[in-house]
Amino acid sequence: MAHRIGGRKLSRKIGPRKALYKNLIVAILRYEQVKTTEARAKEIRGQVDRVITLAKDGTLASRRRIVADLPDEPLVIDKLYREIAPKYGDRSSGYTRTVRLGQRAGDAAPIVQIELV
């Protein structure tokens, strides 16, 4: 019994799972909306909030933490600091919204669109 172990495995080992999360976070920051499964969206929702909160801080240390966490995407990090973080200056959390879109045709997995509010 695995008590007090958070997160979903998503049928992946830890390396590919972390890569999936990082790439989804970058996609949300780049395009401001992504269609994915409900389980994946629920997993990365908190991580996107944490990245935006760090960007709102604006310090060099927070920028280095974001660069260390995300893949090498300088354009996305610049967009995060110049456009996204100032837009949420008065909001303390809850930067994302999920909208249900139905089920995927192949395996009937619930599909949602996760987007920045």
PDB file of N, CA and C in Angstrom:
ATOM      1  N   MET A   1       0.842  -1.171   0.000  1.00  0.00           N
ATOM      2  CA  MET A   1       0.000   0.000   0.000  1.00  0.00           C
ATOM      3  C   MET A   1       0.890   1.237   0.000  1.00  0.00           C
ATOM      4  N   ALA A   2       0.668   2.130  -0.926  1.00  0.00           N
ATOM      5  CA  ALA A   2       1.525   3.307  -1.084  1.00  0.00           C
ATOM      6  C   ALA A   2       0.819   4.536  -0.520  1.00  0.00           C
ATOM      7  N   HIS A   3       0.858   4.685   0.783  1.00  0.00           N
ATOM      8  CA  HIS A   3       0.231   5.847   1.396  1.00  0.00           C
ATOM      9  C   HIS A   3       1.128   7.067   1.256  1.00  0.00           C
ATOM     10  N   ARG A   4       0.526   8.232   1.188  1.00  0.00           N
ATOM     11  CA  ARG A   4       1.212   9.529   1.196  1.00  0.00           C
ATOM     12  C   ARG A   4       2.194   9.684   0.038  1.00  0.00           C
ATOM     13  N   ILE A   5       1.892   9.060  -1.077  1.00  0.00           N
ATOM     14  CA  ILE A   5       2.692   9.258  -2.282  1.00  0.00           C
ATOM     15  C   ILE A   5       1.782   9.940  -3.291  1.00  0.00           C
ATOM     16  N   GLY A   6       2.062  11.184  -3.587  1.00  0.00           N
ATOM     17  CA  GLY A   6       1.177  11.959  -4.444  1.00  0.00           C
ATOM     18  C   GLY A   6       1.484  11.778  -5.910  1.00  0.00           C
ATOM     19  N   GLY A   7       0.539  12.137  -6.729  1.00  0.00           N
ATOM     20  CA  GLY A   7       0.751  12.147  -8.161  1.00  0.00           C
ATOM     21  C   GLY A   7       0.281  10.895  -8.860  1.00  0.00           C
ATOM     22  N   ARG A   8       0.091  11.037 -10.156  1.00  0.00           N
ATOM     23  CA  ARG A   8      -0.325   9.924 -10.994  1.00  0.00           C
ATOM     24  C   ARG A   8       0.881   9.384 -11.746  1.00  0.00           C
ATOM     25  N   LYS A   9       0.857   8.108 -12.061  1.00  0.00           N
ATOM     26  CA  LYS A   9       1.973   7.518 -12.790  1.00  0.00           C
ATOM     27  C   LYS A   9       1.807   7.645 -14.296  1.00  0.00           C
ATOM     28  N   LEU A  10       0.587   7.701 -14.775  1.00  0.00           N
ATOM     29  CA  LEU A  10       0.299   7.868 -16.195  1.00  0.00           C
ATOM     30  C   LEU A  10       0.985   6.812 -17.060  1.00  0.00           C
ATOM     31  N   SER A  11       1.161   5.615 -16.532  1.00  0.00           N
ATOM     32  CA  SER A  11       1.770   4.482 -17.245  1.00  0.00           C
ATOM     33  C   SER A  11       3.150   4.800 -17.802  1.00  0.00           C
ATOM     34  N   ARG A  12       3.923   5.585 -17.038  1.00  0.00           N
ATOM     35  CA  ARG A  12       5.273   5.943 -17.473  1.00  0.00           C
ATOM     36  C   ARG A  12       6.236   5.812 -16.303  1.00  0.00           C
ATOM     37  N   LYS A  13       7.489   5.592 -16.628  1.00  0.00           N
ATOM     38  CA  LYS A  13       8.523   5.642 -15.601  1.00  0.00           C
ATOM     39  C   LYS A  13       8.790   7.098 -15.275  1.00  0.00           C
ATOM     40  N   ILE A  14       9.594   7.339 -14.247  1.00  0.00           N
ATOM     41  CA  ILE A  14       9.716   8.688 -13.713  1.00  0.00           C
ATOM     42  C   ILE A  14      10.361   9.667 -14.704  1.00  0.00           C
ATOM     43  N   GLY A  15      11.341   9.225 -15.484  1.00  0.00           N
ATOM     44  CA  GLY A  15      12.006  10.124 -16.428  1.00  0.00           C
ATOM     45  C   GLY A  15      11.076  10.616 -17.527  1.00  0.00           C
ATOM     46  N   PRO A  16      10.427   9.705 -18.263  1.00  0.00           N
ATOM     47  CA  PRO A  16       9.488  10.152 -19.287  1.00  0.00           C
ATOM     48  C   PRO A  16       8.298  10.925 -18.720  1.00  0.00           C
ATOM     49  N   ARG A  17       7.886  10.592 -17.495  1.00  0.00           N
ATOM     50  CA  ARG A  17       6.766  11.307 -16.883  1.00  0.00           C
ATOM     51  C   ARG A  17       7.144  12.749 -16.577  1.00  0.00           C
ATOM     52  N   LYS A  18       8.340  12.972 -16.038  1.00  0.00           N
ATOM     53  CA  LYS A  18       8.787  14.343 -15.767  1.00  0.00           C
ATOM     54  C   LYS A  18       8.972  15.122 -17.063  1.00  0.00           C
ATOM     55  N   ALA A  19       9.477  14.476 -18.104  1.00  0.00           N
ATOM     56  CA  ALA A  19       9.632  15.137 -19.398  1.00  0.00           C
ATOM     57  C   ALA A  19       8.269  15.535 -19.966  1.00  0.00           C
ATOM     58  N   LEU A  20       7.270  14.664 -19.813  1.00  0.00           N
ATOM     59  CA  LEU A  20       5.919  14.971 -20.265  1.00  0.00           C
ATOM     60  C   LEU A  20       5.384  16.196 -19.545  1.00  0.00           C
ATOM     61  N   TYR A  21       5.560  16.256 -18.229  1.00  0.00           N
ATOM     62  CA  TYR A  21       5.078  17.401 -17.454  1.00  0.00           C
ATOM     63  C   TYR A  21       5.756  18.692 -17.907  1.00  0.00           C
ATOM     64  N   LYS A  22       7.066  18.654 -18.062  1.00  0.00           N
ATOM     65  CA  LYS A  22       7.799  19.863 -18.454  1.00  0.00           C
ATOM     66  C   LYS A  22       7.370  20.345 -19.835  1.00  0.00           C
ATOM     67  N   ASN A  23       7.193  19.428 -20.774  1.00  0.00           N
ATOM     68  CA  ASN A  23       6.790  19.816 -22.118  1.00  0.00           C
ATOM     69  C   ASN A  23       5.364  20.354 -22.142  1.00  0.00           C
ATOM     70  N   LEU A  24       4.477  19.790 -21.324  1.00  0.00           N
ATOM     71  CA  LEU A  24       3.114  20.322 -21.249  1.00  0.00           C
ATOM     72  C   LEU A  24       3.095  21.713 -20.632  1.00  0.00           C
ATOM     73  N   ILE A  25       3.917  21.945 -19.626  1.00  0.00           N
ATOM     74  CA  ILE A  25       3.997  23.275 -19.009  1.00  0.00           C
ATOM     75  C   ILE A  25       4.472  24.295 -20.035  1.00  0.00           C
ATOM     76  N   VAL A  26       5.497  23.943 -20.793  1.00  0.00           N
ATOM     77  CA  VAL A  26       6.011  24.856 -21.818  1.00  0.00           C
ATOM     78  C   VAL A  26       4.943  25.113 -22.883  1.00  0.00           C
ATOM     79  N   ALA A  27       4.200  24.083 -23.260  1.00  0.00           N
ATOM     80  CA  ALA A  27       3.154  24.257 -24.267  1.00  0.00           C
ATOM     81  C   ALA A  27       2.054  25.181 -23.768  1.00  0.00           C
ATOM     82  N   ILE A  28       1.678  25.061 -22.509  1.00  0.00           N
ATOM     83  CA  ILE A  28       0.646  25.943 -21.954  1.00  0.00           C
ATOM     84  C   ILE A  28       1.143  27.382 -21.918  1.00  0.00           C
ATOM     85  N   LEU A  29       2.392  27.579 -21.534  1.00  0.00           N
ATOM     86  CA  LEU A  29       2.929  28.941 -21.478  1.00  0.00           C
ATOM     87  C   LEU A  29       3.098  29.524 -22.878  1.00  0.00           C
ATOM     88  N   ARG A  30       3.434  28.696 -23.856  1.00  0.00           N
ATOM     89  CA  ARG A  30       3.645  29.187 -25.213  1.00  0.00           C
ATOM     90  C   ARG A  30       2.325  29.507 -25.912  1.00  0.00           C
ATOM     91  N   TYR A  31       1.383  28.568 -25.887  1.00  0.00           N
ATOM     92  CA  TYR A  31       0.146  28.719 -26.653  1.00  0.00           C
ATOM     93  C   TYR A  31      -1.035  29.183 -25.811  1.00  0.00           C
ATOM     94  N   GLU A  32      -0.878  29.213 -24.489  1.00  0.00           N
ATOM     95  CA  GLU A  32      -1.881  29.639 -23.523  1.00  0.00           C
ATOM     96  C   GLU A  32      -3.101  28.731 -23.468  1.00  0.00           C
ATOM     97  N   GLN A  33      -3.103  27.631 -24.216  1.00  0.00           N
ATOM     98  CA  GLN A  33      -4.134  26.607 -24.105  1.00  0.00           C
ATOM     99  C   GLN A  33      -3.650  25.342 -24.782  1.00  0.00           C
ATOM    100  N   VAL A  34      -4.014  24.189 -24.193  1.00  0.00           N
ATOM    101  CA  VAL A  34      -3.585  22.898 -24.705  1.00  0.00           C
ATOM    102  C   VAL A  34      -4.720  21.912 -24.493  1.00  0.00           C
ATOM    103  N   LYS A  35      -4.954  21.056 -25.491  1.00  0.00           N
ATOM    104  CA  LYS A  35      -5.920  19.968 -25.345  1.00  0.00           C
ATOM    105  C   LYS A  35      -5.162  18.717 -24.934  1.00  0.00           C
ATOM    106  N   THR A  36      -5.580  18.111 -23.831  1.00  0.00           N
ATOM    107  CA  THR A  36      -4.923  16.918 -23.325  1.00  0.00           C
ATOM    108  C   THR A  36      -5.922  16.117 -22.497  1.00  0.00           C
ATOM    109  N   THR A  37      -5.473  15.009 -21.945  1.00  0.00           N
ATOM    110  CA  THR A  37      -6.386  14.210 -21.136  1.00  0.00           C
ATOM    111  C   THR A  37      -6.596  14.875 -19.777  1.00  0.00           C
ATOM    112  N   GLU A  38      -7.678  14.497 -19.139  1.00  0.00           N
ATOM    113  CA  GLU A  38      -8.022  15.108 -17.857  1.00  0.00           C
ATOM    114  C   GLU A  38      -6.981  14.798 -16.784  1.00  0.00           C
ATOM    115  N   ALA A  39      -6.460  13.589 -16.757  1.00  0.00           N
ATOM    116  CA  ALA A  39      -5.464  13.215 -15.754  1.00  0.00           C
ATOM    117  C   ALA A  39      -4.182  14.037 -15.905  1.00  0.00           C
ATOM    118  N   ARG A  40      -3.734  14.218 -17.135  1.00  0.00           N
ATOM    119  CA  ARG A  40      -2.536  15.031 -17.366  1.00  0.00           C
ATOM    120  C   ARG A  40      -2.777  16.480 -16.969  1.00  0.00           C
ATOM    121  N   ALA A  41      -3.937  17.008 -17.294  1.00  0.00           N
ATOM    122  CA  ALA A  41      -4.245  18.399 -16.961  1.00  0.00           C
ATOM    123  C   ALA A  41      -4.277  18.607 -15.456  1.00  0.00           C
ATOM    124  N   LYS A  42      -4.855  17.660 -14.737  1.00  0.00           N
ATOM    125  CA  LYS A  42      -4.913  17.787 -13.284  1.00  0.00           C
ATOM    126  C   LYS A  42      -3.526  17.718 -12.664  1.00  0.00           C
ATOM    127  N   GLU A  43      -2.639  16.952 -13.259  1.00  0.00           N
ATOM    128  CA  GLU A  43      -1.289  16.831 -12.727  1.00  0.00           C
ATOM    129  C   GLU A  43      -0.473  18.100 -12.915  1.00  0.00           C
ATOM    130  N   ILE A  44      -0.596  18.758 -14.054  1.00  0.00           N
ATOM    131  CA  ILE A  44       0.277  19.911 -14.318  1.00  0.00           C
ATOM    132  C   ILE A  44      -0.327  21.229 -13.883  1.00  0.00           C
ATOM    133  N   ARG A  45      -1.581  21.236 -13.471  1.00  0.00           N
ATOM    134  CA  ARG A  45      -2.247  22.478 -13.067  1.00  0.00           C
ATOM    135  C   ARG A  45      -1.471  23.196 -11.968  1.00  0.00           C
ATOM    136  N   GLY A  46      -1.090  22.483 -10.925  1.00  0.00           N
ATOM    137  CA  GLY A  46      -0.346  23.089  -9.822  1.00  0.00           C
ATOM    138  C   GLY A  46       1.052  23.512 -10.215  1.00  0.00           C
ATOM    139  N   GLN A  47       1.663  22.770 -11.125  1.00  0.00           N
ATOM    140  CA  GLN A  47       3.011  23.116 -11.553  1.00  0.00           C
ATOM    141  C   GLN A  47       3.027  24.399 -12.372  1.00  0.00           C
ATOM    142  N   VAL A  48       1.991  24.601 -13.202  1.00  0.00           N
ATOM    143  CA  VAL A  48       1.885  25.845 -13.968  1.00  0.00           C
ATOM    144  C   VAL A  48       1.689  27.020 -13.015  1.00  0.00           C
ATOM    145  N   ASP A  49       0.847  26.835 -12.002  1.00  0.00           N
ATOM    146  CA  ASP A  49       0.633  27.895 -11.018  1.00  0.00           C
ATOM    147  C   ASP A  49       1.940  28.247 -10.303  1.00  0.00           C
ATOM    148  N   ARG A  50       2.726  27.241  -9.972  1.00  0.00           N
ATOM    149  CA  ARG A  50       3.979  27.498  -9.270  1.00  0.00           C
ATOM    150  C   ARG A  50       4.964  28.271 -10.141  1.00  0.00           C
ATOM    151  N   VAL A  51       5.023  27.932 -11.427  1.00  0.00           N
ATOM    152  CA  VAL A  51       5.943  28.627 -12.339  1.00  0.00           C
ATOM    153  C   VAL A  51       5.528  30.091 -12.494  1.00  0.00           C
ATOM    154  N   ILE A  52       4.239  30.350 -12.631  1.00  0.00           N
ATOM    155  CA  ILE A  52       3.770  31.729 -12.794  1.00  0.00           C
ATOM    156  C   ILE A  52       3.996  32.525 -11.514  1.00  0.00           C
ATOM    157  N   THR A  53       3.785  31.909 -10.355  1.00  0.00           N
ATOM    158  CA  THR A  53       4.030  32.592  -9.089  1.00  0.00           C
ATOM    159  C   THR A  53       5.504  32.936  -8.936  1.00  0.00           C
ATOM    160  N   LEU A  54       6.385  32.035  -9.342  1.00  0.00           N
ATOM    161  CA  LEU A  54       7.813  32.339  -9.303  1.00  0.00           C
ATOM    162  C   LEU A  54       8.150  33.489 -10.243  1.00  0.00           C
ATOM    163  N   ALA A  55       7.536  33.520 -11.404  1.00  0.00           N
ATOM    164  CA  ALA A  55       7.817  34.598 -12.359  1.00  0.00           C
ATOM    165  C   ALA A  55       7.319  35.939 -11.840  1.00  0.00           C
ATOM    166  N   LYS A  56       6.214  35.927 -11.103  1.00  0.00           N
ATOM    167  CA  LYS A  56       5.702  37.177 -10.538  1.00  0.00           C
ATOM    168  C   LYS A  56       6.666  37.758  -9.511  1.00  0.00           C
ATOM    169  N   ASP A  57       7.435  36.897  -8.848  1.00  0.00           N
ATOM    170  CA  ASP A  57       8.409  37.355  -7.865  1.00  0.00           C
ATOM    171  C   ASP A  57       9.464  38.230  -8.535  1.00  0.00           C
ATOM    172  N   GLY A  58       9.933  37.809  -9.709  1.00  0.00           N
ATOM    173  CA  GLY A  58      10.808  38.641 -10.520  1.00  0.00           C
ATOM    174  C   GLY A  58      12.261  38.693 -10.100  1.00  0.00           C
ATOM    175  N   THR A  59      12.680  37.947  -9.116  1.00  0.00           N
ATOM    176  CA  THR A  59      14.068  37.986  -8.685  1.00  0.00           C
ATOM    177  C   THR A  59      14.927  37.094  -9.577  1.00  0.00           C
ATOM    178  N   LEU A  60      16.217  37.288  -9.471  1.00  0.00           N
ATOM    179  CA  LEU A  60      17.151  36.468 -10.242  1.00  0.00           C
ATOM    180  C   LEU A  60      17.089  35.012  -9.792  1.00  0.00           C
ATOM    181  N   ALA A  61      16.912  34.797  -8.501  1.00  0.00           N
ATOM    182  CA  ALA A  61      16.837  33.432  -7.982  1.00  0.00           C
ATOM    183  C   ALA A  61      15.608  32.707  -8.527  1.00  0.00           C
ATOM    184  N   SER A  62      14.484  33.401  -8.613  1.00  0.00           N
ATOM    185  CA  SER A  62      13.282  32.765  -9.146  1.00  0.00           C
ATOM    186  C   SER A  62      13.443  32.467 -10.637  1.00  0.00           C
ATOM    187  N   ARG A  63      14.098  33.363 -11.354  1.00  0.00           N
ATOM    188  CA  ARG A  63      14.337  33.118 -12.778  1.00  0.00           C
ATOM    189  C   ARG A  63      15.229  31.902 -12.980  1.00  0.00           C
ATOM    190  N   ARG A  64      16.237  31.761 -12.145  1.00  0.00           N
ATOM    191  CA  ARG A  64      17.127  30.606 -12.253  1.00  0.00           C
ATOM    192  C   ARG A  64      16.407  29.316 -11.913  1.00  0.00           C
ATOM    193  N   ARG A  65      15.481  29.351 -10.961  1.00  0.00           N
ATOM    194  CA  ARG A  65      14.704  28.151 -10.631  1.00  0.00           C
ATOM    195  C   ARG A  65      13.813  27.744 -11.793  1.00  0.00           C
ATOM    196  N   ILE A  66      13.221  28.736 -12.469  1.00  0.00           N
ATOM    197  CA  ILE A  66      12.371  28.425 -13.619  1.00  0.00           C
ATOM    198  C   ILE A  66      13.204  27.852 -14.757  1.00  0.00           C
ATOM    199  N   VAL A  67      14.354  28.452 -15.029  1.00  0.00           N
ATOM    200  CA  VAL A  67      15.223  27.963 -16.102  1.00  0.00           C
ATOM    201  C   VAL A  67      15.698  26.553 -15.798  1.00  0.00           C
ATOM    202  N   ALA A  68      15.960  26.250 -14.532  1.00  0.00           N
ATOM    203  CA  ALA A  68      16.404  24.913 -14.158  1.00  0.00           C
ATOM    204  C   ALA A  68      15.284  23.892 -14.291  1.00  0.00           C
ATOM    205  N   ASP A  69      14.050  24.309 -14.042  1.00  0.00           N
ATOM    206  CA  ASP A  69      12.920  23.376 -14.070  1.00  0.00           C
ATOM    207  C   ASP A  69      12.425  23.078 -15.479  1.00  0.00           C
ATOM    208  N   LEU A  70      12.461  24.053 -16.370  1.00  0.00           N
ATOM    209  CA  LEU A  70      11.877  23.885 -17.696  1.00  0.00           C
ATOM    210  C   LEU A  70      12.951  23.551 -18.730  1.00  0.00           C
ATOM    211  N   PRO A  71      12.552  22.948 -19.854  1.00  0.00           N
ATOM    212  CA  PRO A  71      13.520  22.713 -20.932  1.00  0.00           C
ATOM    213  C   PRO A  71      14.065  24.035 -21.468  1.00  0.00           C
ATOM    214  N   ASP A  72      15.107  23.957 -22.268  1.00  0.00           N
ATOM    215  CA  ASP A  72      15.781  25.153 -22.779  1.00  0.00           C
ATOM    216  C   ASP A  72      14.878  25.877 -23.761  1.00  0.00           C
ATOM    217  N   GLU A  73      14.058  26.779 -23.246  1.00  0.00           N
ATOM    218  CA  GLU A  73      13.094  27.538 -24.048  1.00  0.00           C
ATOM    219  C   GLU A  73      13.188  29.020 -23.682  1.00  0.00           C
ATOM    220  N   PRO A  74      14.185  29.748 -24.177  1.00  0.00           N
ATOM    221  CA  PRO A  74      14.342  31.151 -23.775  1.00  0.00           C
ATOM    222  C   PRO A  74      13.174  32.044 -24.206  1.00  0.00           C
ATOM    223  N   LEU A  75      12.553  31.755 -25.351  1.00  0.00           N
ATOM    224  CA  LEU A  75      11.432  32.585 -25.789  1.00  0.00           C
ATOM    225  C   LEU A  75      10.228  32.431 -24.870  1.00  0.00           C
ATOM    226  N   VAL A  76      10.001  31.219 -24.396  1.00  0.00           N
ATOM    227  CA  VAL A  76       8.872  30.980 -23.486  1.00  0.00           C
ATOM    228  C   VAL A  76       9.125  31.648 -22.141  1.00  0.00           C
ATOM    229  N   ILE A  77      10.363  31.596 -21.670  1.00  0.00           N
ATOM    230  CA  ILE A  77      10.680  32.221 -20.385  1.00  0.00           C
ATOM    231  C   ILE A  77      10.567  33.737 -20.489  1.00  0.00           C
ATOM    232  N   ASP A  78      10.996  34.321 -21.615  1.00  0.00           N
ATOM    233  CA  ASP A  78      10.820  35.757 -21.807  1.00  0.00           C
ATOM    234  C   ASP A  78       9.351  36.125 -21.869  1.00  0.00           C
ATOM    235  N   LYS A  79       8.539  35.327 -22.552  1.00  0.00           N
ATOM    236  CA  LYS A  79       7.104  35.592 -22.611  1.00  0.00           C
ATOM    237  C   LYS A  79       6.486  35.493 -21.225  1.00  0.00           C
ATOM    238  N   LEU A  80       6.956  34.536 -20.446  1.00  0.00           N
ATOM    239  CA  LEU A  80       6.453  34.370 -19.080  1.00  0.00           C
ATOM    240  C   LEU A  80       6.712  35.621 -18.251  1.00  0.00           C
ATOM    241  N   TYR A  81       7.892  36.188 -18.369  1.00  0.00           N
ATOM    242  CA  TYR A  81       8.230  37.362 -17.567  1.00  0.00           C
ATOM    243  C   TYR A  81       7.644  38.660 -18.118  1.00  0.00           C
ATOM    244  N   ARG A  82       7.519  38.787 -19.442  1.00  0.00           N
ATOM    245  CA  ARG A  82       7.066  40.062 -20.026  1.00  0.00           C
ATOM    246  C   ARG A  82       5.561  40.163 -20.171  1.00  0.00           C
ATOM    247  N   GLU A  83       4.876  39.041 -20.459  1.00  0.00           N
ATOM    248  CA  GLU A  83       3.440  39.097 -20.728  1.00  0.00           C
ATOM    249  C   GLU A  83       2.594  38.425 -19.657  1.00  0.00           C
ATOM    250  N   ILE A  84       2.949  37.196 -19.307  1.00  0.00           N
ATOM    251  CA  ILE A  84       2.064  36.399 -18.459  1.00  0.00           C
ATOM    252  C   ILE A  84       2.105  36.857 -17.005  1.00  0.00           C
ATOM    253  N   ALA A  85       3.295  37.019 -16.427  1.00  0.00           N
ATOM    254  CA  ALA A  85       3.392  37.391 -15.015  1.00  0.00           C
ATOM    255  C   ALA A  85       2.762  38.760 -14.716  1.00  0.00           C
ATOM    256  N   PRO A  86       2.987  39.793 -15.531  1.00  0.00           N
ATOM    257  CA  PRO A  86       2.324  41.072 -15.230  1.00  0.00           C
ATOM    258  C   PRO A  86       0.804  41.003 -15.351  1.00  0.00           C
ATOM    259  N   LYS A  87       0.297  40.112 -16.213  1.00  0.00           N
ATOM    260  CA  LYS A  87      -1.150  39.987 -16.382  1.00  0.00           C
ATOM    261  C   LYS A  87      -1.817  39.479 -15.106  1.00  0.00           C
ATOM    262  N   TYR A  88      -1.096  38.684 -14.317  1.00  0.00           N
ATOM    263  CA  TYR A  88      -1.656  38.111 -13.094  1.00  0.00           C
ATOM    264  C   TYR A  88      -1.102  38.776 -11.840  1.00  0.00           C
ATOM    265  N   GLY A  89      -0.754  40.045 -11.918  1.00  0.00           N
ATOM    266  CA  GLY A  89      -0.169  40.737 -10.777  1.00  0.00           C
ATOM    267  C   GLY A  89      -1.071  40.807  -9.563  1.00  0.00           C
ATOM    268  N   ASP A  90      -2.378  40.949  -9.771  1.00  0.00           N
ATOM    269  CA  ASP A  90      -3.299  41.091  -8.638  1.00  0.00           C
ATOM    270  C   ASP A  90      -3.881  39.758  -8.184  1.00  0.00           C
ATOM    271  N   ARG A  91      -3.620  38.688  -8.894  1.00  0.00           N
ATOM    272  CA  ARG A  91      -4.195  37.372  -8.579  1.00  0.00           C
ATOM    273  C   ARG A  91      -3.164  36.554  -7.807  1.00  0.00           C
ATOM    274  N   SER A  92      -3.591  35.893  -6.733  1.00  0.00           N
ATOM    275  CA  SER A  92      -2.639  35.147  -5.909  1.00  0.00           C
ATOM    276  C   SER A  92      -2.461  33.707  -6.363  1.00  0.00           C
ATOM    277  N   SER A  93      -3.471  33.113  -6.983  1.00  0.00           N
ATOM    278  CA  SER A  93      -3.353  31.747  -7.486  1.00  0.00           C
ATOM    279  C   SER A  93      -4.501  31.486  -8.445  1.00  0.00           C
ATOM    280  N   GLY A  94      -4.574  30.272  -8.962  1.00  0.00           N
ATOM    281  CA  GLY A  94      -5.664  29.924  -9.862  1.00  0.00           C
ATOM    282  C   GLY A  94      -5.507  30.547 -11.232  1.00  0.00           C
ATOM    283  N   TYR A  95      -4.374  30.284 -11.869  1.00  0.00           N
ATOM    284  CA  TYR A  95      -4.091  30.892 -13.166  1.00  0.00           C
ATOM    285  C   TYR A  95      -4.591  30.050 -14.336  1.00  0.00           C
ATOM    286  N   THR A  96      -5.061  28.844 -14.062  1.00  0.00           N
ATOM    287  CA  THR A  96      -5.489  27.952 -15.139  1.00  0.00           C
ATOM    288  C   THR A  96      -6.951  27.581 -14.988  1.00  0.00           C
ATOM    289  N   ARG A  97      -7.537  27.176 -16.100  1.00  0.00           N
ATOM    290  CA  ARG A  97      -8.929  26.727 -16.148  1.00  0.00           C
ATOM    291  C   ARG A  97      -8.971  25.491 -17.021  1.00  0.00           C
ATOM    292  N   THR A  98      -9.779  24.514 -16.643  1.00  0.00           N
ATOM    293  CA  THR A  98      -9.961  23.331 -17.476  1.00  0.00           C
ATOM    294  C   THR A  98     -11.398  23.292 -17.967  1.00  0.00           C
ATOM    295  N   VAL A  99     -11.567  23.038 -19.256  1.00  0.00           N
ATOM    296  CA  VAL A  99     -12.875  22.950 -19.898  1.00  0.00           C
ATOM    297  C   VAL A  99     -12.987  21.550 -20.497  1.00  0.00           C
ATOM    298  N   ARG A 100     -14.014  20.836 -20.128  1.00  0.00           N
ATOM    299  CA  ARG A 100     -14.197  19.483 -20.655  1.00  0.00           C
ATOM    300  C   ARG A 100     -14.667  19.543 -22.105  1.00  0.00           C
ATOM    301  N   LEU A 101     -14.051  18.686 -22.929  1.00  0.00           N
ATOM    302  CA  LEU A 101     -14.367  18.678 -24.355  1.00  0.00           C
ATOM    303  C   LEU A 101     -15.043  17.391 -24.814  1.00  0.00           C
ATOM    304  N   GLY A 102     -15.142  16.396 -23.957  1.00  0.00           N
ATOM    305  CA  GLY A 102     -15.750  15.124 -24.343  1.00  0.00           C
ATOM    306  C   GLY A 102     -14.753  14.004 -24.224  1.00  0.00           C
ATOM    307  N   GLN A 103     -14.988  12.947 -24.997  1.00  0.00           N
ATOM    308  CA  GLN A 103     -14.133  11.780 -24.932  1.00  0.00           C
ATOM    309  C   GLN A 103     -13.361  11.595 -26.231  1.00  0.00           C
ATOM    310  N   ARG A 104     -12.164  11.034 -26.096  1.00  0.00           N
ATOM    311  CA  ARG A 104     -11.340  10.746 -27.255  1.00  0.00           C
ATOM    312  C   ARG A 104     -11.928   9.554 -27.997  1.00  0.00           C
ATOM    313  N   ALA A 105     -11.857   9.594 -29.305  1.00  0.00           N
ATOM    314  CA  ALA A 105     -12.502   8.570 -30.119  1.00  0.00           C
ATOM    315  C   ALA A 105     -11.878   7.194 -29.934  1.00  0.00           C
ATOM    316  N   GLY A 106     -10.569   7.105 -29.797  1.00  0.00           N
ATOM    317  CA  GLY A 106      -9.919   5.812 -29.762  1.00  0.00           C
ATOM    318  C   GLY A 106     -10.158   5.021 -28.498  1.00  0.00           C
ATOM    319  N   ASP A 107      -9.992   5.655 -27.326  1.00  0.00           N
ATOM    320  CA  ASP A 107     -10.071   4.912 -26.079  1.00  0.00           C
ATOM    321  C   ASP A 107     -11.050   5.520 -25.079  1.00  0.00           C
ATOM    322  N   ALA A 108     -11.813   6.497 -25.493  1.00  0.00           N
ATOM    323  CA  ALA A 108     -12.829   7.147 -24.654  1.00  0.00           C
ATOM    324  C   ALA A 108     -12.225   7.817 -23.428  1.00  0.00           C
ATOM    325  N   ALA A 109     -10.974   8.277 -23.529  1.00  0.00           N
ATOM    326  CA  ALA A 109     -10.366   9.021 -22.431  1.00  0.00           C
ATOM    327  C   ALA A 109     -10.968  10.422 -22.397  1.00  0.00           C
ATOM    328  N   PRO A 110     -11.257  10.944 -21.215  1.00  0.00           N
ATOM    329  CA  PRO A 110     -11.829  12.296 -21.143  1.00  0.00           C
ATOM    330  C   PRO A 110     -10.799  13.345 -21.572  1.00  0.00           C
ATOM    331  N   ILE A 111     -11.162  14.168 -22.531  1.00  0.00           N
ATOM    332  CA  ILE A 111     -10.289  15.205 -23.055  1.00  0.00           C
ATOM    333  C   ILE A 111     -10.733  16.556 -22.489  1.00  0.00           C
ATOM    334  N   VAL A 112      -9.759  17.363 -22.067  1.00  0.00           N
ATOM    335  CA  VAL A 112     -10.052  18.697 -21.559  1.00  0.00           C
ATOM    336  C   VAL A 112      -9.112  19.687 -22.251  1.00  0.00           C
ATOM    337  N   GLN A 113      -9.501  20.935 -22.191  1.00  0.00           N
ATOM    338  CA  GLN A 113      -8.632  22.012 -22.661  1.00  0.00           C
ATOM    339  C   GLN A 113      -8.205  22.784 -21.428  1.00  0.00           C
ATOM    340  N   ILE A 114      -6.902  22.786 -21.148  1.00  0.00           N
ATOM    341  CA  ILE A 114      -6.381  23.553 -20.027  1.00  0.00           C
ATOM    342  C   ILE A 114      -5.836  24.852 -20.605  1.00  0.00           C
ATOM    343  N   GLU A 115      -6.246  25.968 -20.005  1.00  0.00           N
ATOM    344  CA  GLU A 115      -5.892  27.281 -20.557  1.00  0.00           C
ATOM    345  C   GLU A 115      -5.589  28.241 -19.435  1.00  0.00           C
ATOM    346  N   LEU A 116      -4.857  29.270 -19.762  1.00  0.00           N
ATOM    347  CA  LEU A 116      -4.598  30.341 -18.804  1.00  0.00           C
ATOM    348  C   LEU A 116      -5.835  31.218 -18.706  1.00  0.00           C
ATOM    349  N   VAL A 117      -6.192  31.610 -17.496  1.00  0.00           N
ATOM    350  CA  VAL A 117      -7.405  32.411 -17.284  1.00  0.00           C
ATOM    351  C   VAL A 117      -7.203  33.799 -17.846  1.00  0.00           C
TER     352      VAL A 117
END
